[in-house]
N, C-alpha and C. Protein backbone atom coordinates (compact mmCIF):
# COMPACT_ATOMS: atom_id res chain seq x y z
N MET A 1 -32.29 -72.22 -105.58
CA MET A 1 -31.76 -73.58 -105.65
C MET A 1 -30.24 -73.56 -105.84
N ALA A 2 -29.75 -72.61 -106.65
CA ALA A 2 -28.31 -72.52 -106.86
C ALA A 2 -27.60 -72.19 -105.57
N LEU A 3 -28.20 -71.30 -104.75
CA LEU A 3 -27.61 -70.95 -103.47
C LEU A 3 -27.63 -72.13 -102.52
N TRP A 4 -28.73 -72.87 -102.51
CA TRP A 4 -28.83 -74.05 -101.63
C TRP A 4 -27.80 -75.10 -102.04
N THR A 5 -27.63 -75.29 -103.34
CA THR A 5 -26.64 -76.24 -103.83
C THR A 5 -25.24 -75.82 -103.43
N LEU A 6 -24.98 -74.52 -103.52
CA LEU A 6 -23.68 -73.99 -103.15
C LEU A 6 -23.40 -74.22 -101.67
N LEU A 7 -24.42 -73.99 -100.83
CA LEU A 7 -24.25 -74.19 -99.39
C LEU A 7 -24.02 -75.67 -99.07
N CYS A 8 -24.72 -76.53 -99.76
CA CYS A 8 -24.55 -77.97 -99.53
C CYS A 8 -23.14 -78.43 -99.89
N GLU A 9 -22.53 -77.76 -100.86
CA GLU A 9 -21.18 -78.12 -101.27
C GLU A 9 -20.12 -77.64 -100.28
N GLY A 10 -20.55 -76.87 -99.28
CA GLY A 10 -19.58 -76.36 -98.30
C GLY A 10 -19.15 -77.40 -97.28
N GLY A 11 -19.76 -78.55 -97.29
CA GLY A 11 -19.35 -79.59 -96.37
C GLY A 11 -20.12 -79.56 -95.06
N PHE A 12 -19.72 -80.42 -94.15
CA PHE A 12 -20.45 -80.58 -92.89
C PHE A 12 -20.35 -79.36 -91.98
N VAL A 13 -19.33 -78.50 -92.16
CA VAL A 13 -19.20 -77.32 -91.29
C VAL A 13 -20.30 -76.30 -91.55
N MET A 14 -21.02 -76.45 -92.67
CA MET A 14 -22.10 -75.53 -92.96
C MET A 14 -23.24 -75.70 -91.96
N LEU A 15 -23.34 -76.88 -91.35
CA LEU A 15 -24.39 -77.11 -90.36
C LEU A 15 -24.19 -76.26 -89.11
N PRO A 16 -23.01 -76.29 -88.45
CA PRO A 16 -22.82 -75.39 -87.30
C PRO A 16 -22.84 -73.92 -87.69
N LEU A 17 -22.34 -73.60 -88.88
CA LEU A 17 -22.39 -72.20 -89.31
C LEU A 17 -23.82 -71.75 -89.56
N GLY A 18 -24.63 -72.64 -90.10
CA GLY A 18 -26.05 -72.30 -90.29
C GLY A 18 -26.76 -72.12 -88.97
N LEU A 19 -26.43 -72.96 -88.00
CA LEU A 19 -27.01 -72.83 -86.67
C LEU A 19 -26.58 -71.52 -86.02
N CYS A 20 -25.31 -71.17 -86.16
CA CYS A 20 -24.81 -69.89 -85.63
C CYS A 20 -25.53 -68.71 -86.27
N SER A 21 -25.72 -68.80 -87.58
CA SER A 21 -26.41 -67.72 -88.29
C SER A 21 -27.85 -67.57 -87.80
N LEU A 22 -28.52 -68.70 -87.57
CA LEU A 22 -29.90 -68.66 -87.07
C LEU A 22 -29.96 -68.02 -85.69
N VAL A 23 -29.03 -68.39 -84.83
CA VAL A 23 -28.98 -67.81 -83.47
C VAL A 23 -28.74 -66.31 -83.54
N VAL A 24 -27.81 -65.90 -84.40
CA VAL A 24 -27.50 -64.47 -84.54
C VAL A 24 -28.74 -63.68 -84.94
N TRP A 25 -29.46 -64.16 -85.94
CA TRP A 25 -30.62 -63.42 -86.42
C TRP A 25 -31.76 -63.43 -85.39
N CYS A 26 -31.90 -64.51 -84.65
CA CYS A 26 -32.92 -64.55 -83.59
C CYS A 26 -32.62 -63.50 -82.52
N ILE A 27 -31.35 -63.39 -82.14
CA ILE A 27 -30.97 -62.40 -81.13
C ILE A 27 -31.15 -60.99 -81.67
N ILE A 28 -30.79 -60.76 -82.91
CA ILE A 28 -30.95 -59.43 -83.51
C ILE A 28 -32.42 -59.00 -83.49
N VAL A 29 -33.30 -59.89 -83.92
CA VAL A 29 -34.72 -59.55 -83.97
C VAL A 29 -35.29 -59.34 -82.57
N GLU A 30 -34.96 -60.26 -81.65
CA GLU A 30 -35.50 -60.18 -80.29
C GLU A 30 -35.02 -58.93 -79.56
N ARG A 31 -33.70 -58.66 -79.63
CA ARG A 31 -33.15 -57.49 -78.92
C ARG A 31 -33.61 -56.18 -79.55
N SER A 32 -33.71 -56.15 -80.87
CA SER A 32 -34.17 -54.93 -81.55
C SER A 32 -35.59 -54.59 -81.14
N PHE A 33 -36.46 -55.59 -81.12
CA PHE A 33 -37.84 -55.39 -80.69
C PHE A 33 -37.88 -54.96 -79.22
N PHE A 34 -37.08 -55.62 -78.40
CA PHE A 34 -37.05 -55.31 -76.96
C PHE A 34 -36.58 -53.89 -76.71
N TYR A 35 -35.50 -53.47 -77.37
CA TYR A 35 -34.95 -52.13 -77.15
C TYR A 35 -35.91 -51.05 -77.65
N THR A 36 -36.55 -51.30 -78.79
CA THR A 36 -37.50 -50.33 -79.32
C THR A 36 -38.67 -50.14 -78.36
N ARG A 37 -39.17 -51.25 -77.85
CA ARG A 37 -40.29 -51.20 -76.91
C ARG A 37 -39.89 -50.50 -75.61
N ILE A 38 -38.72 -50.86 -75.08
CA ILE A 38 -38.26 -50.28 -73.82
C ILE A 38 -38.01 -48.78 -73.96
N ALA A 39 -37.35 -48.36 -75.04
CA ALA A 39 -37.02 -46.95 -75.22
C ALA A 39 -38.29 -46.09 -75.22
N PHE A 40 -39.32 -46.55 -75.90
CA PHE A 40 -40.57 -45.79 -75.97
C PHE A 40 -41.30 -45.79 -74.63
N ARG A 41 -41.43 -46.96 -74.02
CA ARG A 41 -42.18 -47.07 -72.77
C ARG A 41 -41.45 -46.42 -71.59
N GLN A 42 -40.12 -46.50 -71.61
CA GLN A 42 -39.36 -45.91 -70.50
C GLN A 42 -39.57 -44.40 -70.44
N GLU A 43 -39.59 -43.77 -71.58
CA GLU A 43 -39.79 -42.32 -71.62
C GLU A 43 -41.19 -41.96 -71.14
N SER A 44 -42.19 -42.71 -71.57
CA SER A 44 -43.56 -42.46 -71.13
C SER A 44 -43.69 -42.66 -69.63
N PHE A 45 -43.08 -43.73 -69.12
CA PHE A 45 -43.12 -43.99 -67.68
C PHE A 45 -42.45 -42.87 -66.90
N PHE A 46 -41.32 -42.41 -67.37
CA PHE A 46 -40.58 -41.35 -66.67
C PHE A 46 -41.42 -40.08 -66.56
N LEU A 47 -42.07 -39.68 -67.64
CA LEU A 47 -42.87 -38.46 -67.63
C LEU A 47 -44.07 -38.60 -66.69
N GLU A 48 -44.75 -39.74 -66.75
CA GLU A 48 -45.92 -39.95 -65.88
C GLU A 48 -45.49 -40.04 -64.42
N ALA A 49 -44.40 -40.73 -64.14
CA ALA A 49 -43.93 -40.85 -62.76
C ALA A 49 -43.49 -39.50 -62.22
N SER A 50 -42.85 -38.68 -63.04
CA SER A 50 -42.42 -37.36 -62.60
C SER A 50 -43.61 -36.49 -62.21
N ASN A 51 -44.65 -36.53 -63.02
CA ASN A 51 -45.85 -35.74 -62.72
C ASN A 51 -46.50 -36.19 -61.41
N LEU A 52 -46.56 -37.49 -61.19
CA LEU A 52 -47.17 -38.00 -59.95
C LEU A 52 -46.32 -37.64 -58.73
N LEU A 53 -45.01 -37.72 -58.86
CA LEU A 53 -44.14 -37.40 -57.73
C LEU A 53 -44.14 -35.91 -57.40
N LEU A 54 -44.39 -35.08 -58.40
CA LEU A 54 -44.50 -33.64 -58.13
C LEU A 54 -45.64 -33.34 -57.18
N TYR A 55 -46.67 -34.17 -57.23
CA TYR A 55 -47.82 -34.01 -56.33
C TYR A 55 -47.75 -34.98 -55.14
N ALA A 56 -46.59 -35.60 -54.96
CA ALA A 56 -46.36 -36.51 -53.83
C ALA A 56 -47.37 -37.66 -53.79
N ASP A 57 -47.78 -38.11 -54.95
CA ASP A 57 -48.76 -39.20 -55.04
C ASP A 57 -48.02 -40.53 -55.15
N ARG A 58 -47.59 -41.06 -54.01
CA ARG A 58 -46.82 -42.30 -54.02
C ARG A 58 -47.68 -43.50 -54.41
N GLU A 59 -48.93 -43.48 -54.01
CA GLU A 59 -49.83 -44.58 -54.37
C GLU A 59 -50.04 -44.62 -55.88
N GLY A 60 -50.17 -43.43 -56.46
CA GLY A 60 -50.31 -43.37 -57.92
C GLY A 60 -49.06 -43.86 -58.62
N VAL A 61 -47.90 -43.54 -58.06
CA VAL A 61 -46.63 -44.00 -58.63
C VAL A 61 -46.54 -45.52 -58.54
N LYS A 62 -46.98 -46.07 -57.42
CA LYS A 62 -46.94 -47.52 -57.24
C LYS A 62 -47.84 -48.22 -58.26
N ARG A 63 -49.03 -47.67 -58.48
CA ARG A 63 -49.93 -48.25 -59.48
C ARG A 63 -49.32 -48.13 -60.88
N LEU A 64 -48.63 -47.03 -61.12
CA LEU A 64 -47.99 -46.83 -62.42
C LEU A 64 -46.88 -47.86 -62.62
N CYS A 65 -46.11 -48.12 -61.58
CA CYS A 65 -45.03 -49.11 -61.68
C CYS A 65 -45.59 -50.50 -61.96
N GLU A 66 -46.70 -50.82 -61.33
CA GLU A 66 -47.32 -52.12 -61.55
C GLU A 66 -47.90 -52.21 -62.96
N LYS A 67 -48.26 -51.09 -63.53
CA LYS A 67 -48.76 -51.06 -64.90
C LYS A 67 -47.63 -51.28 -65.90
N TYR A 68 -46.46 -50.68 -65.62
CA TYR A 68 -45.29 -50.79 -66.51
C TYR A 68 -44.29 -51.80 -65.94
N THR A 69 -44.74 -52.98 -65.61
CA THR A 69 -43.86 -53.95 -64.94
C THR A 69 -42.66 -54.36 -65.80
N TYR A 70 -42.79 -54.30 -67.14
CA TYR A 70 -41.71 -54.73 -68.02
C TYR A 70 -40.70 -53.62 -68.29
N VAL A 71 -40.94 -52.42 -67.78
CA VAL A 71 -40.03 -51.29 -67.96
C VAL A 71 -38.98 -51.31 -66.85
N PRO A 72 -37.69 -51.24 -67.17
CA PRO A 72 -36.65 -51.29 -66.14
C PRO A 72 -36.80 -50.22 -65.06
N GLY A 73 -37.14 -48.99 -65.47
CA GLY A 73 -37.30 -47.92 -64.49
C GLY A 73 -38.42 -48.19 -63.50
N ALA A 74 -39.49 -48.81 -63.97
CA ALA A 74 -40.61 -49.13 -63.08
C ALA A 74 -40.19 -50.17 -62.06
N GLN A 75 -39.40 -51.14 -62.47
CA GLN A 75 -38.95 -52.17 -61.53
C GLN A 75 -38.02 -51.58 -60.47
N VAL A 76 -37.16 -50.66 -60.89
CA VAL A 76 -36.25 -50.03 -59.93
C VAL A 76 -37.03 -49.18 -58.93
N LEU A 77 -37.95 -48.35 -59.45
CA LEU A 77 -38.72 -47.47 -58.59
C LEU A 77 -39.62 -48.26 -57.64
N LEU A 78 -40.17 -49.36 -58.13
CA LEU A 78 -41.02 -50.18 -57.28
C LEU A 78 -40.23 -50.79 -56.13
N SER A 79 -38.99 -51.17 -56.39
CA SER A 79 -38.16 -51.71 -55.31
C SER A 79 -37.85 -50.65 -54.26
N VAL A 80 -37.69 -49.40 -54.69
CA VAL A 80 -37.43 -48.30 -53.75
C VAL A 80 -38.68 -48.03 -52.91
N LEU A 81 -39.84 -48.01 -53.55
CA LEU A 81 -41.09 -47.77 -52.82
C LEU A 81 -41.35 -48.86 -51.79
N SER A 82 -41.01 -50.10 -52.14
CA SER A 82 -41.20 -51.19 -51.18
C SER A 82 -40.31 -51.00 -49.97
N ARG A 83 -39.15 -50.40 -50.16
CA ARG A 83 -38.27 -50.10 -49.02
C ARG A 83 -38.88 -49.03 -48.11
N PHE A 84 -39.44 -48.00 -48.74
CA PHE A 84 -40.04 -46.93 -47.95
C PHE A 84 -41.24 -47.43 -47.15
N GLU A 85 -41.96 -48.40 -47.68
CA GLU A 85 -43.16 -48.92 -47.02
C GLU A 85 -42.84 -50.03 -46.02
N SER A 86 -41.58 -50.43 -45.96
CA SER A 86 -41.20 -51.52 -45.06
C SER A 86 -41.31 -51.08 -43.59
N PRO A 87 -41.77 -51.97 -42.71
CA PRO A 87 -41.85 -51.62 -41.28
C PRO A 87 -40.49 -51.64 -40.59
N HIS A 88 -39.48 -52.13 -41.27
CA HIS A 88 -38.15 -52.22 -40.68
C HIS A 88 -37.34 -50.97 -41.03
N GLU A 89 -36.87 -50.29 -40.04
CA GLU A 89 -36.12 -49.05 -40.25
C GLU A 89 -34.82 -49.28 -41.01
N LEU A 90 -34.20 -50.44 -40.81
CA LEU A 90 -32.94 -50.71 -41.49
C LEU A 90 -33.13 -50.82 -42.99
N ARG A 91 -34.24 -51.41 -43.40
CA ARG A 91 -34.54 -51.51 -44.83
C ARG A 91 -34.82 -50.13 -45.42
N LYS A 92 -35.50 -49.30 -44.67
CA LYS A 92 -35.76 -47.93 -45.14
C LYS A 92 -34.47 -47.15 -45.28
N LYS A 93 -33.58 -47.35 -44.32
CA LYS A 93 -32.34 -46.57 -44.29
C LYS A 93 -31.45 -46.84 -45.50
N HIS A 94 -31.47 -48.09 -45.98
CA HIS A 94 -30.57 -48.48 -47.07
C HIS A 94 -31.31 -48.56 -48.41
N TRP A 95 -32.28 -47.69 -48.62
CA TRP A 95 -33.04 -47.72 -49.88
C TRP A 95 -32.17 -47.36 -51.08
N ARG A 96 -31.22 -46.47 -50.88
CA ARG A 96 -30.38 -46.05 -52.02
C ARG A 96 -29.49 -47.20 -52.50
N GLU A 97 -28.96 -47.98 -51.57
CA GLU A 97 -28.17 -49.14 -51.96
C GLU A 97 -29.01 -50.15 -52.73
N ALA A 98 -30.25 -50.32 -52.27
CA ALA A 98 -31.16 -51.24 -52.96
C ALA A 98 -31.45 -50.75 -54.38
N MET A 99 -31.63 -49.44 -54.52
CA MET A 99 -31.87 -48.88 -55.84
C MET A 99 -30.67 -49.10 -56.75
N GLU A 100 -29.47 -48.92 -56.21
CA GLU A 100 -28.25 -49.09 -56.99
C GLU A 100 -28.12 -50.53 -57.47
N ARG A 101 -28.39 -51.46 -56.58
CA ARG A 101 -28.29 -52.88 -56.97
C ARG A 101 -29.32 -53.23 -58.04
N ARG A 102 -30.53 -52.73 -57.88
CA ARG A 102 -31.58 -53.01 -58.85
C ARG A 102 -31.27 -52.38 -60.21
N THR A 103 -30.69 -51.20 -60.18
CA THR A 103 -30.32 -50.53 -61.43
C THR A 103 -29.26 -51.31 -62.17
N ILE A 104 -28.26 -51.79 -61.44
CA ILE A 104 -27.21 -52.61 -62.06
C ILE A 104 -27.80 -53.88 -62.65
N GLN A 105 -28.74 -54.47 -61.93
CA GLN A 105 -29.40 -55.68 -62.42
C GLN A 105 -30.15 -55.41 -63.72
N MET A 106 -30.83 -54.26 -63.79
CA MET A 106 -31.57 -53.92 -65.00
C MET A 106 -30.63 -53.61 -66.17
N GLN A 107 -29.50 -52.99 -65.87
CA GLN A 107 -28.52 -52.72 -66.92
C GLN A 107 -27.95 -54.02 -67.48
N SER A 108 -27.74 -55.00 -66.60
CA SER A 108 -27.27 -56.31 -67.06
C SER A 108 -28.32 -57.00 -67.91
N GLU A 109 -29.58 -56.83 -67.53
CA GLU A 109 -30.67 -57.43 -68.29
C GLU A 109 -30.75 -56.85 -69.70
N LEU A 110 -30.43 -55.57 -69.84
CA LEU A 110 -30.45 -54.94 -71.15
C LEU A 110 -29.41 -55.57 -72.09
N LYS A 111 -28.33 -56.08 -71.53
CA LYS A 111 -27.26 -56.66 -72.35
C LYS A 111 -27.35 -58.18 -72.42
N ARG A 112 -28.46 -58.71 -71.98
CA ARG A 112 -28.63 -60.17 -72.00
C ARG A 112 -28.53 -60.72 -73.42
N ALA A 113 -27.81 -61.82 -73.56
CA ALA A 113 -27.62 -62.56 -74.81
C ALA A 113 -26.64 -61.91 -75.78
N LEU A 114 -26.16 -60.70 -75.46
CA LEU A 114 -25.20 -60.07 -76.37
C LEU A 114 -23.86 -60.82 -76.38
N TRP A 115 -23.54 -61.47 -75.26
CA TRP A 115 -22.29 -62.24 -75.22
C TRP A 115 -22.32 -63.37 -76.25
N VAL A 116 -23.50 -63.86 -76.56
CA VAL A 116 -23.61 -64.93 -77.56
C VAL A 116 -23.16 -64.42 -78.92
N LEU A 117 -23.55 -63.19 -79.25
CA LEU A 117 -23.12 -62.60 -80.52
C LEU A 117 -21.61 -62.46 -80.56
N GLY A 118 -21.02 -62.02 -79.46
CA GLY A 118 -19.56 -61.89 -79.41
C GLY A 118 -18.86 -63.23 -79.56
N THR A 119 -19.42 -64.26 -78.94
CA THR A 119 -18.84 -65.60 -79.04
C THR A 119 -18.91 -66.12 -80.47
N ILE A 120 -20.06 -65.96 -81.10
CA ILE A 120 -20.22 -66.44 -82.48
C ILE A 120 -19.33 -65.65 -83.43
N ALA A 121 -19.20 -64.36 -83.18
CA ALA A 121 -18.33 -63.53 -84.03
C ALA A 121 -16.88 -64.00 -83.96
N SER A 122 -16.47 -64.47 -82.79
CA SER A 122 -15.09 -64.94 -82.63
C SER A 122 -14.91 -66.36 -83.15
N ALA A 123 -15.93 -67.19 -82.99
CA ALA A 123 -15.78 -68.61 -83.32
C ALA A 123 -16.04 -68.93 -84.80
N SER A 124 -16.91 -68.16 -85.45
CA SER A 124 -17.32 -68.49 -86.82
C SER A 124 -16.15 -68.57 -87.80
N PRO A 125 -15.21 -67.61 -87.79
CA PRO A 125 -14.09 -67.75 -88.72
C PRO A 125 -13.28 -69.02 -88.51
N PHE A 126 -13.16 -69.45 -87.25
CA PHE A 126 -12.40 -70.66 -86.98
C PHE A 126 -13.15 -71.91 -87.44
N ILE A 127 -14.49 -71.86 -87.33
CA ILE A 127 -15.28 -72.98 -87.87
C ILE A 127 -15.10 -73.05 -89.38
N GLY A 128 -15.14 -71.88 -90.03
CA GLY A 128 -14.91 -71.85 -91.48
C GLY A 128 -13.51 -72.30 -91.84
N LEU A 129 -12.52 -71.93 -91.01
CA LEU A 129 -11.14 -72.35 -91.26
C LEU A 129 -11.00 -73.86 -91.11
N PHE A 130 -11.72 -74.43 -90.14
CA PHE A 130 -11.71 -75.88 -89.98
C PHE A 130 -12.26 -76.55 -91.24
N GLY A 131 -13.33 -75.98 -91.79
CA GLY A 131 -13.86 -76.51 -93.05
C GLY A 131 -12.86 -76.39 -94.19
N THR A 132 -12.07 -75.31 -94.18
CA THR A 132 -11.05 -75.12 -95.20
C THR A 132 -10.00 -76.22 -95.12
N VAL A 133 -9.56 -76.50 -93.89
CA VAL A 133 -8.55 -77.55 -93.70
C VAL A 133 -9.08 -78.90 -94.15
N VAL A 134 -10.33 -79.20 -93.78
CA VAL A 134 -10.93 -80.47 -94.18
C VAL A 134 -11.03 -80.57 -95.69
N GLY A 135 -11.42 -79.47 -96.35
CA GLY A 135 -11.53 -79.48 -97.80
C GLY A 135 -10.19 -79.71 -98.48
N ILE A 136 -9.15 -79.08 -97.97
CA ILE A 136 -7.81 -79.25 -98.54
C ILE A 136 -7.31 -80.68 -98.33
N LEU A 137 -7.56 -81.22 -97.13
CA LEU A 137 -7.17 -82.61 -96.86
C LEU A 137 -7.89 -83.56 -97.80
N ARG A 138 -9.15 -83.28 -98.07
CA ARG A 138 -9.90 -84.13 -99.00
C ARG A 138 -9.31 -84.05 -100.40
N SER A 139 -8.83 -82.88 -100.78
CA SER A 139 -8.20 -82.73 -102.09
C SER A 139 -6.94 -83.57 -102.18
N PHE A 140 -6.12 -83.54 -101.15
CA PHE A 140 -4.89 -84.34 -101.14
C PHE A 140 -5.21 -85.84 -101.15
N GLN A 141 -6.25 -86.23 -100.44
CA GLN A 141 -6.64 -87.64 -100.43
C GLN A 141 -7.09 -88.09 -101.81
N SER A 142 -7.82 -87.19 -102.50
CA SER A 142 -8.27 -87.52 -103.86
C SER A 142 -7.07 -87.64 -104.80
N MET A 143 -6.10 -86.75 -104.63
CA MET A 143 -4.89 -86.82 -105.44
C MET A 143 -4.13 -88.12 -105.19
N ALA A 144 -4.03 -88.50 -103.90
CA ALA A 144 -3.30 -89.72 -103.57
C ALA A 144 -4.01 -90.96 -104.09
N ALA A 145 -5.34 -90.93 -104.05
CA ALA A 145 -6.10 -92.10 -104.48
C ALA A 145 -6.08 -92.28 -105.99
N SER A 146 -6.10 -91.17 -106.72
CA SER A 146 -6.15 -91.26 -108.18
C SER A 146 -4.77 -91.20 -108.82
N GLY A 147 -3.79 -90.68 -108.08
CA GLY A 147 -2.46 -90.51 -108.65
C GLY A 147 -2.41 -89.42 -109.69
N ASN A 148 -3.39 -88.54 -109.66
CA ASN A 148 -3.47 -87.45 -110.64
C ASN A 148 -3.65 -86.15 -109.90
N ALA A 149 -3.00 -85.10 -110.36
CA ALA A 149 -3.07 -83.80 -109.69
C ALA A 149 -3.92 -82.81 -110.48
N GLY A 150 -4.77 -83.31 -111.38
CA GLY A 150 -5.60 -82.43 -112.19
C GLY A 150 -6.66 -81.72 -111.38
N PHE A 151 -7.18 -80.62 -111.96
CA PHE A 151 -8.18 -79.82 -111.24
C PHE A 151 -9.47 -80.59 -111.00
N THR A 152 -9.79 -81.49 -111.89
CA THR A 152 -11.02 -82.28 -111.71
C THR A 152 -10.95 -83.15 -110.48
N VAL A 153 -9.74 -83.49 -110.06
CA VAL A 153 -9.57 -84.34 -108.89
C VAL A 153 -9.67 -83.52 -107.61
N VAL A 154 -9.02 -82.36 -107.61
CA VAL A 154 -8.95 -81.55 -106.38
C VAL A 154 -10.01 -80.46 -106.34
N GLY A 155 -10.74 -80.31 -107.41
CA GLY A 155 -11.69 -79.19 -107.51
C GLY A 155 -12.76 -79.21 -106.44
N GLN A 156 -13.31 -80.38 -106.15
CA GLN A 156 -14.39 -80.46 -105.16
C GLN A 156 -13.89 -80.08 -103.77
N GLY A 157 -12.72 -80.58 -103.40
CA GLY A 157 -12.18 -80.25 -102.09
C GLY A 157 -11.86 -78.77 -101.94
N ILE A 158 -11.30 -78.18 -102.99
CA ILE A 158 -10.98 -76.76 -102.95
C ILE A 158 -12.25 -75.92 -102.89
N SER A 159 -13.25 -76.32 -103.67
CA SER A 159 -14.53 -75.61 -103.65
C SER A 159 -15.15 -75.66 -102.26
N GLU A 160 -15.12 -76.83 -101.63
CA GLU A 160 -15.67 -76.98 -100.28
C GLU A 160 -14.95 -76.08 -99.29
N SER A 161 -13.63 -76.02 -99.40
CA SER A 161 -12.85 -75.21 -98.45
C SER A 161 -13.15 -73.73 -98.62
N LEU A 162 -13.28 -73.26 -99.86
CA LEU A 162 -13.54 -71.84 -100.11
C LEU A 162 -14.94 -71.44 -99.64
N ILE A 163 -15.91 -72.30 -99.88
CA ILE A 163 -17.28 -72.01 -99.44
C ILE A 163 -17.35 -71.95 -97.92
N ALA A 164 -16.69 -72.88 -97.25
CA ALA A 164 -16.68 -72.88 -95.79
C ALA A 164 -16.02 -71.62 -95.24
N THR A 165 -14.92 -71.21 -95.86
CA THR A 165 -14.24 -69.99 -95.41
C THR A 165 -15.13 -68.77 -95.58
N ALA A 166 -15.75 -68.65 -96.75
CA ALA A 166 -16.61 -67.50 -97.01
C ALA A 166 -17.81 -67.47 -96.06
N ALA A 167 -18.40 -68.63 -95.81
CA ALA A 167 -19.56 -68.69 -94.90
C ALA A 167 -19.17 -68.29 -93.49
N GLY A 168 -18.02 -68.75 -93.01
CA GLY A 168 -17.56 -68.37 -91.68
C GLY A 168 -17.34 -66.88 -91.55
N ILE A 169 -16.75 -66.28 -92.58
CA ILE A 169 -16.50 -64.83 -92.55
C ILE A 169 -17.80 -64.05 -92.56
N ILE A 170 -18.76 -64.47 -93.38
CA ILE A 170 -20.04 -63.77 -93.48
C ILE A 170 -20.78 -63.79 -92.14
N VAL A 171 -20.83 -64.98 -91.53
CA VAL A 171 -21.51 -65.09 -90.22
C VAL A 171 -20.81 -64.23 -89.19
N ALA A 172 -19.48 -64.22 -89.20
CA ALA A 172 -18.73 -63.44 -88.24
C ALA A 172 -18.95 -61.94 -88.42
N VAL A 173 -18.98 -61.47 -89.66
CA VAL A 173 -19.19 -60.05 -89.92
C VAL A 173 -20.56 -59.60 -89.44
N ILE A 174 -21.59 -60.39 -89.73
CA ILE A 174 -22.94 -60.04 -89.27
C ILE A 174 -23.00 -60.01 -87.76
N ALA A 175 -22.37 -61.00 -87.11
CA ALA A 175 -22.39 -61.06 -85.65
C ALA A 175 -21.65 -59.88 -85.03
N VAL A 176 -20.52 -59.49 -85.61
CA VAL A 176 -19.73 -58.37 -85.07
C VAL A 176 -20.51 -57.06 -85.18
N VAL A 177 -21.09 -56.82 -86.35
CA VAL A 177 -21.87 -55.59 -86.55
C VAL A 177 -23.06 -55.55 -85.59
N ALA A 178 -23.75 -56.67 -85.47
CA ALA A 178 -24.91 -56.73 -84.56
C ALA A 178 -24.47 -56.53 -83.11
N PHE A 179 -23.39 -57.16 -82.72
CA PHE A 179 -22.90 -57.05 -81.34
C PHE A 179 -22.56 -55.61 -81.00
N ASN A 180 -21.79 -54.95 -81.86
CA ASN A 180 -21.39 -53.57 -81.58
C ASN A 180 -22.59 -52.63 -81.56
N THR A 181 -23.50 -52.81 -82.50
CA THR A 181 -24.67 -51.93 -82.57
C THR A 181 -25.57 -52.10 -81.35
N LEU A 182 -25.88 -53.34 -81.01
CA LEU A 182 -26.76 -53.59 -79.87
C LEU A 182 -26.09 -53.24 -78.55
N GLN A 183 -24.77 -53.39 -78.49
CA GLN A 183 -24.04 -53.02 -77.28
C GLN A 183 -24.15 -51.52 -77.03
N VAL A 184 -24.02 -50.73 -78.07
CA VAL A 184 -24.14 -49.27 -77.95
C VAL A 184 -25.55 -48.89 -77.51
N ILE A 185 -26.56 -49.51 -78.12
CA ILE A 185 -27.95 -49.20 -77.76
C ILE A 185 -28.22 -49.56 -76.31
N ALA A 186 -27.75 -50.74 -75.89
CA ALA A 186 -27.97 -51.18 -74.51
C ALA A 186 -27.27 -50.25 -73.51
N THR A 187 -26.07 -49.81 -73.85
CA THR A 187 -25.34 -48.89 -72.97
C THR A 187 -26.06 -47.56 -72.83
N ARG A 188 -26.56 -47.05 -73.94
CA ARG A 188 -27.29 -45.77 -73.90
C ARG A 188 -28.58 -45.90 -73.10
N LEU A 189 -29.29 -47.00 -73.27
CA LEU A 189 -30.51 -47.21 -72.49
C LEU A 189 -30.19 -47.31 -71.00
N GLY A 190 -29.08 -47.96 -70.68
CA GLY A 190 -28.67 -48.08 -69.29
C GLY A 190 -28.31 -46.74 -68.68
N GLN A 191 -27.62 -45.90 -69.45
CA GLN A 191 -27.28 -44.56 -68.97
C GLN A 191 -28.53 -43.70 -68.79
N THR A 192 -29.44 -43.80 -69.73
CA THR A 192 -30.70 -43.06 -69.62
C THR A 192 -31.49 -43.51 -68.40
N LEU A 193 -31.50 -44.81 -68.15
CA LEU A 193 -32.18 -45.35 -66.97
C LEU A 193 -31.60 -44.76 -65.69
N ARG A 194 -30.29 -44.72 -65.59
CA ARG A 194 -29.64 -44.21 -64.38
C ARG A 194 -29.94 -42.73 -64.18
N LEU A 195 -29.88 -41.95 -65.25
CA LEU A 195 -30.15 -40.51 -65.14
C LEU A 195 -31.61 -40.26 -64.74
N GLN A 196 -32.52 -40.99 -65.36
CA GLN A 196 -33.94 -40.81 -65.03
C GLN A 196 -34.23 -41.22 -63.59
N MET A 197 -33.60 -42.28 -63.12
CA MET A 197 -33.82 -42.70 -61.75
C MET A 197 -33.28 -41.66 -60.76
N ASP A 198 -32.16 -41.04 -61.08
CA ASP A 198 -31.62 -39.99 -60.21
C ASP A 198 -32.62 -38.82 -60.10
N GLU A 199 -33.22 -38.46 -61.23
CA GLU A 199 -34.19 -37.37 -61.22
C GLU A 199 -35.44 -37.74 -60.43
N LEU A 200 -35.90 -38.98 -60.59
CA LEU A 200 -37.08 -39.42 -59.85
C LEU A 200 -36.80 -39.48 -58.35
N MET A 201 -35.59 -39.87 -57.97
CA MET A 201 -35.26 -39.93 -56.56
C MET A 201 -35.22 -38.53 -55.94
N GLU A 202 -34.83 -37.54 -56.71
CA GLU A 202 -34.84 -36.16 -56.21
C GLU A 202 -36.26 -35.71 -55.88
N LEU A 203 -37.22 -36.20 -56.67
CA LEU A 203 -38.62 -35.84 -56.41
C LEU A 203 -39.24 -36.70 -55.32
N LEU A 204 -38.69 -37.88 -55.13
CA LEU A 204 -39.30 -38.83 -54.18
C LEU A 204 -38.90 -38.54 -52.73
N VAL A 205 -37.65 -38.15 -52.51
CA VAL A 205 -37.16 -38.00 -51.12
C VAL A 205 -37.12 -36.53 -50.68
């Protein structure tokens, strides 16, 4: 209750900061779960696909890709197989370009929503600063209205400004740490995807 009271005293800027904090934590939980699931499944898919390709079992590989539809590597490999099975020679000829485009698309998907964390990390301190300015202005208005410069007059405005500043900094720090951490994980998963696809293509062609 003391924490809730303290947050309420931060003024109206606590509402957008609270919304930003909620968005940050939703993205952290969703991306963390997604990356953990992908990292484990991608490795399993790669090993199974490699074994099937060693025996030139393209039909088995296709069924495997359809089984792991949510795995980036499976989507890339499935797009390549569809090129090989195409009746048009031009589509077969440019299978590597298609694989490259699909890989880039999957790498972009891995970084989905991370820009939101970066935006919130940049904007939150300014939202808190806006609350600081409003709190200070309120203090001056109270002084002008009462004609007194005592702490009891300006205390509420100063308290509001400090709480808003602290809240903005806290949200920004969490967003920055989450953004950098998830960005590194997404980049590593993307690099692993590209390396694994290169190895699978060596076995496929």
